[in-house]
Amino acid sequence: MNQMRIGDLVQVHACKTDGTIYRSWQATIESVTTDSIVTIAPAGSSVFNIKGEDYPIRHHYRAYYWFDKFYNLLEIFETSGELIHIYINIASPPELKNGIMSFKDHELDVSKYFPKPAELVDEDEFAEAIVKYQYSQEFQDKMYKAANEALELANHWKPGPFPVFS
């Protein structure tokens, strides 16, 4: 972890279970601890998708990645500073290699728009992934356990301050 420092740029790869990169972007490291890394990305940053398209994000993002959790959390801010959405990917803990941080997205997600409660989303995509990647019943149970923890987290999340970009 000590090779990653606050202010460093890191390439982030969101991957399918088989390792295929389906989305990629660059973010700035906001904080690093022994158990997590937090990144920020300003509105207008480029995101590349599996189709080879490059598009700008419309909001400011802060992402929390824990090395011992099967999810990562996004705080999505309007450029005016208002937190509008919490989104949690049920995913593998991040891996850091050669200046790239990657995680495997397992398709199940939690979404919270304010002031509504958090909800589990993309169960249809998870069902497809179960078949495509042959998720065991044990793995499915583990992902639903992570999703239930993520629902609770989203409903009680205390957001960080509006991200500051230098």
N, C-alpha and C. Protein backbone atom coordinates (compact mmCIF):
# COMPACT_ATOMS: atom_id res chain seq x y z
N MET A 1 0.82 -1.19 0.00
CA MET A 1 0.00 0.00 0.00
C MET A 1 0.86 1.26 0.00
N ASN A 2 2.07 1.17 0.57
CA ASN A 2 2.86 2.39 0.71
C ASN A 2 3.32 2.98 -0.62
N GLN A 3 3.14 2.25 -1.75
CA GLN A 3 3.47 2.85 -3.03
C GLN A 3 2.39 3.82 -3.49
N MET A 4 1.21 3.77 -2.89
CA MET A 4 0.12 4.68 -3.24
C MET A 4 0.08 5.80 -2.21
N ARG A 5 0.12 7.04 -2.71
CA ARG A 5 0.13 8.18 -1.80
C ARG A 5 -0.99 9.15 -2.15
N ILE A 6 -1.41 9.90 -1.15
CA ILE A 6 -2.42 10.93 -1.35
C ILE A 6 -1.97 11.85 -2.48
N GLY A 7 -2.88 12.14 -3.39
CA GLY A 7 -2.58 13.02 -4.52
C GLY A 7 -2.13 12.28 -5.77
N ASP A 8 -1.74 11.01 -5.61
CA ASP A 8 -1.34 10.22 -6.79
C ASP A 8 -2.55 9.93 -7.67
N LEU A 9 -2.31 9.87 -8.96
CA LEU A 9 -3.34 9.40 -9.90
C LEU A 9 -3.25 7.89 -9.99
N VAL A 10 -4.41 7.25 -10.03
CA VAL A 10 -4.45 5.80 -10.17
C VAL A 10 -5.45 5.45 -11.27
N GLN A 11 -5.09 4.50 -12.09
CA GLN A 11 -6.01 3.98 -13.10
C GLN A 11 -6.88 2.94 -12.39
N VAL A 12 -8.20 3.01 -12.58
CA VAL A 12 -9.12 2.06 -11.97
C VAL A 12 -9.77 1.24 -13.07
N HIS A 13 -9.77 -0.08 -12.89
CA HIS A 13 -10.38 -0.99 -13.84
C HIS A 13 -11.52 -1.74 -13.15
N ALA A 14 -12.73 -1.58 -13.66
CA ALA A 14 -13.86 -2.38 -13.21
C ALA A 14 -13.94 -3.57 -14.16
N CYS A 15 -13.88 -4.77 -13.58
CA CYS A 15 -13.80 -5.98 -14.39
C CYS A 15 -14.99 -6.89 -14.16
N LYS A 16 -15.29 -7.69 -15.17
CA LYS A 16 -16.25 -8.77 -15.01
C LYS A 16 -15.55 -9.87 -14.20
N THR A 17 -16.31 -10.86 -13.78
CA THR A 17 -15.74 -11.96 -12.97
C THR A 17 -14.59 -12.66 -13.69
N ASP A 18 -14.65 -12.74 -15.02
CA ASP A 18 -13.59 -13.42 -15.79
C ASP A 18 -12.36 -12.53 -16.02
N GLY A 19 -12.38 -11.31 -15.47
CA GLY A 19 -11.23 -10.42 -15.60
C GLY A 19 -11.33 -9.43 -16.75
N THR A 20 -12.35 -9.54 -17.59
CA THR A 20 -12.54 -8.60 -18.70
C THR A 20 -12.83 -7.20 -18.16
N ILE A 21 -12.04 -6.23 -18.59
CA ILE A 21 -12.26 -4.84 -18.15
C ILE A 21 -13.46 -4.29 -18.92
N TYR A 22 -14.50 -3.83 -18.19
CA TYR A 22 -15.65 -3.26 -18.89
C TYR A 22 -15.76 -1.75 -18.70
N ARG A 23 -15.01 -1.20 -17.76
CA ARG A 23 -15.00 0.25 -17.57
C ARG A 23 -13.67 0.62 -16.92
N SER A 24 -13.13 1.78 -17.33
CA SER A 24 -11.82 2.20 -16.83
C SER A 24 -11.81 3.73 -16.71
N TRP A 25 -11.17 4.23 -15.67
CA TRP A 25 -11.07 5.67 -15.46
C TRP A 25 -9.87 5.97 -14.59
N GLN A 26 -9.53 7.23 -14.53
CA GLN A 26 -8.43 7.69 -13.69
C GLN A 26 -9.02 8.47 -12.52
N ALA A 27 -8.46 8.25 -11.33
CA ALA A 27 -8.93 8.96 -10.14
C ALA A 27 -7.72 9.38 -9.32
N THR A 28 -7.95 10.34 -8.43
CA THR A 28 -6.91 10.82 -7.53
C THR A 28 -7.10 10.18 -6.17
N ILE A 29 -6.01 9.73 -5.57
CA ILE A 29 -6.10 9.14 -4.24
C ILE A 29 -6.31 10.26 -3.22
N GLU A 30 -7.41 10.16 -2.49
CA GLU A 30 -7.74 11.14 -1.47
C GLU A 30 -7.20 10.70 -0.11
N SER A 31 -7.25 9.39 0.17
CA SER A 31 -6.69 8.86 1.42
C SER A 31 -6.37 7.38 1.25
N VAL A 32 -5.43 6.92 2.05
CA VAL A 32 -5.03 5.52 2.06
C VAL A 32 -4.80 5.12 3.51
N THR A 33 -5.37 3.98 3.91
CA THR A 33 -5.09 3.40 5.23
C THR A 33 -4.71 1.94 5.00
N THR A 34 -4.43 1.24 6.06
CA THR A 34 -4.09 -0.18 5.91
C THR A 34 -5.27 -1.02 5.44
N ASP A 35 -6.51 -0.53 5.65
CA ASP A 35 -7.67 -1.33 5.25
C ASP A 35 -8.51 -0.72 4.14
N SER A 36 -8.13 0.46 3.63
CA SER A 36 -8.95 1.06 2.57
C SER A 36 -8.18 2.08 1.74
N ILE A 37 -8.78 2.40 0.62
CA ILE A 37 -8.28 3.48 -0.23
C ILE A 37 -9.50 4.27 -0.70
N VAL A 38 -9.37 5.58 -0.71
CA VAL A 38 -10.46 6.46 -1.16
C VAL A 38 -9.94 7.28 -2.32
N THR A 39 -10.74 7.32 -3.39
CA THR A 39 -10.35 8.09 -4.57
C THR A 39 -11.44 9.11 -4.88
N ILE A 40 -11.04 10.14 -5.62
CA ILE A 40 -11.99 11.15 -6.10
C ILE A 40 -11.76 11.36 -7.60
N ALA A 41 -12.85 11.70 -8.26
CA ALA A 41 -12.77 12.02 -9.70
C ALA A 41 -13.75 13.15 -9.97
N PRO A 42 -13.29 14.21 -10.62
CA PRO A 42 -14.16 15.35 -10.88
C PRO A 42 -15.08 15.13 -12.08
N ALA A 43 -16.21 15.84 -12.07
CA ALA A 43 -17.09 15.86 -13.23
C ALA A 43 -16.24 16.26 -14.44
N GLY A 44 -16.55 15.66 -15.57
CA GLY A 44 -15.78 15.93 -16.78
C GLY A 44 -14.66 14.93 -17.01
N SER A 45 -14.32 14.13 -15.98
CA SER A 45 -13.29 13.10 -16.15
C SER A 45 -13.76 12.07 -17.18
N SER A 46 -12.82 11.52 -17.91
CA SER A 46 -13.15 10.52 -18.93
C SER A 46 -13.30 9.13 -18.33
N VAL A 47 -14.31 8.43 -18.81
CA VAL A 47 -14.51 7.02 -18.50
C VAL A 47 -14.52 6.29 -19.84
N PHE A 48 -13.81 5.18 -19.88
CA PHE A 48 -13.75 4.36 -21.09
C PHE A 48 -14.56 3.10 -20.82
N ASN A 49 -15.38 2.70 -21.80
CA ASN A 49 -16.15 1.48 -21.59
C ASN A 49 -15.70 0.38 -22.52
N ILE A 50 -16.29 -0.80 -22.34
CA ILE A 50 -15.88 -2.00 -23.08
C ILE A 50 -16.05 -1.83 -24.59
N LYS A 51 -16.92 -0.94 -25.00
CA LYS A 51 -17.15 -0.71 -26.44
C LYS A 51 -16.10 0.22 -27.03
N GLY A 52 -15.14 0.66 -26.21
CA GLY A 52 -14.10 1.55 -26.70
C GLY A 52 -14.50 3.00 -26.73
N GLU A 53 -15.64 3.31 -26.14
CA GLU A 53 -16.13 4.69 -26.11
C GLU A 53 -15.56 5.43 -24.91
N ASP A 54 -15.36 6.70 -25.07
CA ASP A 54 -14.84 7.58 -24.02
C ASP A 54 -15.94 8.60 -23.76
N TYR A 55 -16.38 8.72 -22.51
CA TYR A 55 -17.40 9.71 -22.19
C TYR A 55 -17.08 10.38 -20.86
N PRO A 56 -17.47 11.64 -20.70
CA PRO A 56 -17.19 12.35 -19.45
C PRO A 56 -18.24 12.03 -18.38
N ILE A 57 -17.81 11.92 -17.13
CA ILE A 57 -18.78 11.75 -16.05
C ILE A 57 -19.43 13.10 -15.76
N ARG A 58 -20.68 13.07 -15.34
CA ARG A 58 -21.45 14.30 -15.15
C ARG A 58 -21.37 14.85 -13.73
N HIS A 59 -20.90 14.03 -12.80
CA HIS A 59 -20.89 14.41 -11.38
C HIS A 59 -19.49 14.22 -10.80
N HIS A 60 -19.28 14.78 -9.61
CA HIS A 60 -18.07 14.49 -8.85
C HIS A 60 -18.28 13.17 -8.11
N TYR A 61 -17.25 12.36 -8.08
CA TYR A 61 -17.33 11.05 -7.43
C TYR A 61 -16.28 10.94 -6.33
N ARG A 62 -16.67 10.27 -5.25
CA ARG A 62 -15.71 9.79 -4.25
C ARG A 62 -15.99 8.29 -4.12
N ALA A 63 -14.96 7.48 -4.19
CA ALA A 63 -15.12 6.03 -4.11
C ALA A 63 -14.31 5.47 -2.94
N TYR A 64 -14.95 4.61 -2.19
CA TYR A 64 -14.34 3.95 -1.04
C TYR A 64 -14.15 2.47 -1.39
N TYR A 65 -12.92 2.01 -1.28
CA TYR A 65 -12.59 0.60 -1.54
C TYR A 65 -11.97 0.02 -0.27
N TRP A 66 -12.55 -1.07 0.23
CA TRP A 66 -12.02 -1.72 1.43
C TRP A 66 -11.36 -3.03 1.01
N PHE A 67 -10.21 -3.31 1.63
CA PHE A 67 -9.45 -4.50 1.27
C PHE A 67 -10.01 -5.78 1.88
N ASP A 68 -10.99 -5.64 2.80
CA ASP A 68 -11.58 -6.82 3.44
C ASP A 68 -13.09 -6.91 3.25
N LYS A 69 -13.63 -6.14 2.30
CA LYS A 69 -15.08 -6.14 2.05
C LYS A 69 -15.37 -6.52 0.60
N PHE A 70 -16.53 -7.13 0.40
CA PHE A 70 -16.94 -7.51 -0.95
C PHE A 70 -17.89 -6.49 -1.54
N TYR A 71 -17.51 -5.23 -1.38
CA TYR A 71 -18.23 -4.13 -2.00
C TYR A 71 -17.36 -2.89 -1.99
N ASN A 72 -17.70 -1.94 -2.87
CA ASN A 72 -17.10 -0.61 -2.84
C ASN A 72 -18.24 0.39 -2.96
N LEU A 73 -18.02 1.57 -2.41
CA LEU A 73 -19.09 2.56 -2.29
C LEU A 73 -18.72 3.83 -3.02
N LEU A 74 -19.67 4.36 -3.78
CA LEU A 74 -19.51 5.63 -4.49
C LEU A 74 -20.42 6.68 -3.88
N GLU A 75 -19.85 7.83 -3.59
CA GLU A 75 -20.64 9.02 -3.26
C GLU A 75 -20.67 9.84 -4.54
N ILE A 76 -21.87 10.21 -4.97
CA ILE A 76 -22.02 10.94 -6.22
C ILE A 76 -22.59 12.32 -5.90
N PHE A 77 -21.82 13.35 -6.23
CA PHE A 77 -22.16 14.73 -5.89
C PHE A 77 -22.48 15.54 -7.14
N GLU A 78 -23.49 16.41 -7.01
CA GLU A 78 -23.70 17.44 -8.03
C GLU A 78 -22.48 18.35 -7.99
N THR A 79 -22.18 19.03 -9.07
CA THR A 79 -21.03 19.94 -9.07
C THR A 79 -21.25 21.10 -8.11
N SER A 80 -22.50 21.35 -7.72
CA SER A 80 -22.81 22.40 -6.75
C SER A 80 -22.49 21.98 -5.32
N GLY A 81 -22.21 20.68 -5.11
CA GLY A 81 -21.83 20.20 -3.79
C GLY A 81 -22.83 19.28 -3.12
N GLU A 82 -24.02 19.15 -3.67
CA GLU A 82 -25.06 18.32 -3.04
C GLU A 82 -24.81 16.83 -3.32
N LEU A 83 -24.81 16.03 -2.24
CA LEU A 83 -24.72 14.57 -2.40
C LEU A 83 -26.08 14.08 -2.90
N ILE A 84 -26.09 13.41 -4.04
CA ILE A 84 -27.37 12.99 -4.62
C ILE A 84 -27.57 11.48 -4.66
N HIS A 85 -26.49 10.70 -4.56
CA HIS A 85 -26.63 9.26 -4.77
C HIS A 85 -25.50 8.52 -4.05
N ILE A 86 -25.85 7.43 -3.43
CA ILE A 86 -24.88 6.46 -2.91
C ILE A 86 -25.07 5.21 -3.75
N TYR A 87 -23.99 4.68 -4.30
CA TYR A 87 -24.08 3.49 -5.13
C TYR A 87 -23.02 2.52 -4.64
N ILE A 88 -23.42 1.29 -4.39
CA ILE A 88 -22.48 0.29 -3.88
C ILE A 88 -22.44 -0.89 -4.85
N ASN A 89 -21.25 -1.16 -5.36
CA ASN A 89 -21.02 -2.33 -6.20
C ASN A 89 -20.69 -3.52 -5.30
N ILE A 90 -21.39 -4.62 -5.47
CA ILE A 90 -21.01 -5.85 -4.79
C ILE A 90 -19.88 -6.43 -5.65
N ALA A 91 -18.69 -6.44 -5.08
CA ALA A 91 -17.50 -6.70 -5.88
C ALA A 91 -16.38 -7.26 -5.01
N SER A 92 -15.37 -7.78 -5.65
CA SER A 92 -14.20 -8.26 -4.93
C SER A 92 -13.48 -7.07 -4.29
N PRO A 93 -12.70 -7.34 -3.24
CA PRO A 93 -11.82 -6.28 -2.75
C PRO A 93 -10.87 -5.85 -3.87
N PRO A 94 -10.40 -4.60 -3.83
CA PRO A 94 -9.52 -4.14 -4.91
C PRO A 94 -8.16 -4.83 -4.89
N GLU A 95 -7.59 -4.95 -6.07
CA GLU A 95 -6.23 -5.45 -6.21
C GLU A 95 -5.39 -4.32 -6.79
N LEU A 96 -4.18 -4.17 -6.28
CA LEU A 96 -3.28 -3.12 -6.77
C LEU A 96 -2.08 -3.78 -7.42
N LYS A 97 -1.84 -3.40 -8.68
CA LYS A 97 -0.72 -4.00 -9.40
C LYS A 97 -0.25 -3.02 -10.46
N ASN A 98 1.03 -2.70 -10.46
CA ASN A 98 1.63 -1.83 -11.47
C ASN A 98 0.90 -0.50 -11.62
N GLY A 99 0.49 0.10 -10.49
CA GLY A 99 -0.17 1.39 -10.52
C GLY A 99 -1.61 1.36 -10.98
N ILE A 100 -2.17 0.16 -11.11
CA ILE A 100 -3.57 -0.01 -11.51
C ILE A 100 -4.33 -0.66 -10.37
N MET A 101 -5.48 -0.10 -10.05
CA MET A 101 -6.36 -0.71 -9.06
C MET A 101 -7.53 -1.32 -9.80
N SER A 102 -7.79 -2.60 -9.55
CA SER A 102 -8.89 -3.26 -10.24
C SER A 102 -9.76 -4.02 -9.24
N PHE A 103 -11.00 -4.23 -9.63
CA PHE A 103 -11.90 -5.05 -8.83
C PHE A 103 -12.82 -5.80 -9.79
N LYS A 104 -13.31 -6.94 -9.31
CA LYS A 104 -14.25 -7.74 -10.09
C LYS A 104 -15.66 -7.43 -9.59
N ASP A 105 -16.47 -6.93 -10.50
CA ASP A 105 -17.85 -6.56 -10.21
C ASP A 105 -18.72 -7.81 -10.35
N HIS A 106 -19.47 -8.14 -9.29
CA HIS A 106 -20.29 -9.35 -9.33
C HIS A 106 -21.76 -9.06 -9.66
N GLU A 107 -22.01 -7.87 -10.23
CA GLU A 107 -23.29 -7.48 -10.84
C GLU A 107 -24.38 -7.04 -9.88
N LEU A 108 -24.39 -7.52 -8.66
CA LEU A 108 -25.40 -7.11 -7.68
C LEU A 108 -25.01 -5.74 -7.14
N ASP A 109 -25.99 -4.85 -6.96
CA ASP A 109 -25.68 -3.49 -6.52
C ASP A 109 -26.71 -2.98 -5.52
N VAL A 110 -26.31 -1.93 -4.81
CA VAL A 110 -27.20 -1.23 -3.89
C VAL A 110 -27.21 0.23 -4.32
N SER A 111 -28.41 0.82 -4.37
CA SER A 111 -28.56 2.20 -4.81
C SER A 111 -29.40 2.97 -3.80
N LYS A 112 -28.95 4.18 -3.47
CA LYS A 112 -29.71 5.04 -2.56
C LYS A 112 -29.74 6.46 -3.12
N TYR A 113 -30.93 6.89 -3.51
CA TYR A 113 -31.17 8.29 -3.88
C TYR A 113 -31.83 8.95 -2.69
N PHE A 114 -31.39 10.13 -2.36
CA PHE A 114 -31.94 10.83 -1.19
C PHE A 114 -33.28 11.45 -1.52
N PRO A 115 -34.25 11.40 -0.63
CA PRO A 115 -34.23 10.89 0.75
C PRO A 115 -34.74 9.46 0.86
N LYS A 116 -34.85 8.73 -0.24
CA LYS A 116 -35.40 7.37 -0.23
C LYS A 116 -34.45 6.39 0.47
N PRO A 117 -34.99 5.25 0.94
CA PRO A 117 -34.12 4.21 1.50
C PRO A 117 -33.34 3.50 0.39
N ALA A 118 -32.28 2.87 0.76
CA ALA A 118 -31.46 2.10 -0.19
C ALA A 118 -32.24 0.89 -0.68
N GLU A 119 -31.92 0.49 -1.92
CA GLU A 119 -32.56 -0.70 -2.46
C GLU A 119 -31.55 -1.56 -3.21
N LEU A 120 -31.82 -2.86 -3.21
CA LEU A 120 -31.01 -3.81 -3.95
C LEU A 120 -31.42 -3.73 -5.41
N VAL A 121 -30.45 -3.59 -6.31
CA VAL A 121 -30.74 -3.48 -7.74
C VAL A 121 -29.88 -4.46 -8.53
N ASP A 122 -30.26 -4.65 -9.76
CA ASP A 122 -29.53 -5.48 -10.72
C ASP A 122 -29.51 -6.97 -10.36
N GLU A 123 -30.56 -7.42 -9.67
CA GLU A 123 -30.63 -8.86 -9.38
C GLU A 123 -30.76 -9.68 -10.66
N ASP A 124 -31.34 -9.08 -11.72
CA ASP A 124 -31.42 -9.78 -13.01
C ASP A 124 -30.02 -10.00 -13.59
N GLU A 125 -29.16 -8.98 -13.49
CA GLU A 125 -27.78 -9.12 -13.97
C GLU A 125 -27.01 -10.16 -13.14
N PHE A 126 -27.27 -10.18 -11.83
CA PHE A 126 -26.63 -11.16 -10.95
C PHE A 126 -27.08 -12.57 -11.36
N ALA A 127 -28.37 -12.74 -11.64
CA ALA A 127 -28.89 -14.05 -12.06
C ALA A 127 -28.21 -14.52 -13.35
N GLU A 128 -27.99 -13.60 -14.29
CA GLU A 128 -27.27 -13.94 -15.52
C GLU A 128 -25.82 -14.32 -15.22
N ALA A 129 -25.18 -13.59 -14.30
CA ALA A 129 -23.79 -13.87 -13.93
C ALA A 129 -23.67 -15.23 -13.25
N ILE A 130 -24.68 -15.61 -12.46
CA ILE A 130 -24.67 -16.92 -11.79
C ILE A 130 -24.51 -18.01 -12.83
N VAL A 131 -25.26 -17.90 -13.91
CA VAL A 131 -25.21 -18.90 -14.98
C VAL A 131 -23.90 -18.78 -15.76
N LYS A 132 -23.57 -17.56 -16.20
CA LYS A 132 -22.40 -17.35 -17.06
C LYS A 132 -21.09 -17.76 -16.37
N TYR A 133 -20.95 -17.38 -15.09
CA TYR A 133 -19.69 -17.63 -14.39
C TYR A 133 -19.78 -18.82 -13.42
N GLN A 134 -20.91 -19.50 -13.42
CA GLN A 134 -21.13 -20.69 -12.60
C GLN A 134 -20.83 -20.43 -11.13
N TYR A 135 -21.45 -19.35 -10.60
CA TYR A 135 -21.29 -19.04 -9.18
C TYR A 135 -21.87 -20.18 -8.35
N SER A 136 -21.11 -20.64 -7.39
CA SER A 136 -21.59 -21.69 -6.48
C SER A 136 -22.66 -21.11 -5.56
N GLN A 137 -23.45 -21.99 -4.94
CA GLN A 137 -24.46 -21.52 -3.99
C GLN A 137 -23.77 -20.79 -2.83
N GLU A 138 -22.61 -21.28 -2.42
CA GLU A 138 -21.85 -20.65 -1.33
C GLU A 138 -21.45 -19.21 -1.73
N PHE A 139 -20.99 -19.05 -2.97
CA PHE A 139 -20.59 -17.72 -3.45
C PHE A 139 -21.81 -16.80 -3.54
N GLN A 140 -22.92 -17.31 -4.06
CA GLN A 140 -24.15 -16.52 -4.14
C GLN A 140 -24.58 -16.04 -2.74
N ASP A 141 -24.54 -16.94 -1.78
CA ASP A 141 -24.91 -16.59 -0.41
C ASP A 141 -23.98 -15.51 0.15
N LYS A 142 -22.69 -15.64 -0.16
CA LYS A 142 -21.69 -14.66 0.30
C LYS A 142 -21.98 -13.28 -0.31
N MET A 143 -22.36 -13.25 -1.59
CA MET A 143 -22.65 -11.97 -2.25
C MET A 143 -23.94 -11.35 -1.70
N TYR A 144 -24.95 -12.17 -1.42
CA TYR A 144 -26.18 -11.63 -0.82
C TYR A 144 -25.92 -11.14 0.60
N LYS A 145 -25.04 -11.81 1.31
CA LYS A 145 -24.67 -11.35 2.66
C LYS A 145 -23.98 -9.97 2.54
N ALA A 146 -23.08 -9.83 1.58
CA ALA A 146 -22.41 -8.54 1.35
C ALA A 146 -23.43 -7.48 0.95
N ALA A 147 -24.41 -7.85 0.13
CA ALA A 147 -25.44 -6.91 -0.31
C ALA A 147 -26.29 -6.44 0.87
N ASN A 148 -26.63 -7.35 1.76
CA ASN A 148 -27.41 -6.97 2.95
C ASN A 148 -26.63 -6.02 3.85
N GLU A 149 -25.33 -6.29 3.99
CA GLU A 149 -24.46 -5.38 4.75
C GLU A 149 -24.38 -4.02 4.05
N ALA A 150 -24.32 -4.04 2.73
CA ALA A 150 -24.23 -2.80 1.94
C ALA A 150 -25.53 -1.99 2.04
N LEU A 151 -26.68 -2.66 2.08
CA LEU A 151 -27.96 -1.96 2.26
C LEU A 151 -27.95 -1.19 3.57
N GLU A 152 -27.53 -1.86 4.62
CA GLU A 152 -27.45 -1.23 5.94
C GLU A 152 -26.47 -0.07 5.92
N LEU A 153 -25.32 -0.28 5.30
CA LEU A 153 -24.30 0.77 5.21
C LEU A 153 -24.85 1.99 4.47
N ALA A 154 -25.49 1.77 3.33
CA ALA A 154 -26.02 2.87 2.53
C ALA A 154 -27.06 3.68 3.31
N ASN A 155 -27.90 3.00 4.06
CA ASN A 155 -28.95 3.69 4.81
C ASN A 155 -28.41 4.49 6.00
N HIS A 156 -27.20 4.18 6.44
CA HIS A 156 -26.62 4.88 7.60
C HIS A 156 -25.33 5.61 7.27
N TRP A 157 -25.02 5.74 6.00
CA TRP A 157 -23.76 6.32 5.55
C TRP A 157 -23.67 7.80 5.92
N LYS A 158 -22.53 8.18 6.46
CA LYS A 158 -22.21 9.60 6.73
C LYS A 158 -21.20 10.01 5.67
N PRO A 159 -21.64 10.80 4.69
CA PRO A 159 -20.75 11.13 3.58
C PRO A 159 -19.58 12.02 3.99
N GLY A 160 -18.53 11.91 3.23
CA GLY A 160 -17.40 12.80 3.41
C GLY A 160 -17.75 14.19 2.90
N PRO A 161 -16.87 15.14 3.10
CA PRO A 161 -17.12 16.50 2.60
C PRO A 161 -17.07 16.50 1.07
N PHE A 162 -17.60 17.54 0.49
CA PHE A 162 -17.54 17.72 -0.95
C PHE A 162 -16.08 17.56 -1.38
N PRO A 163 -15.81 16.74 -2.38
CA PRO A 163 -14.41 16.53 -2.80
C PRO A 163 -13.75 17.83 -3.28
N VAL A 164 -12.49 17.96 -2.95
CA VAL A 164 -11.69 19.11 -3.37
C VAL A 164 -10.69 18.63 -4.42
N PHE A 165 -10.71 19.29 -5.56
CA PHE A 165 -9.82 18.92 -6.66
C PHE A 165 -8.80 20.04 -6.85
N SER A 166 -7.54 19.61 -6.95
CA SER A 166 -6.50 20.64 -7.12
C SER A 166 -6.09 20.77 -8.57
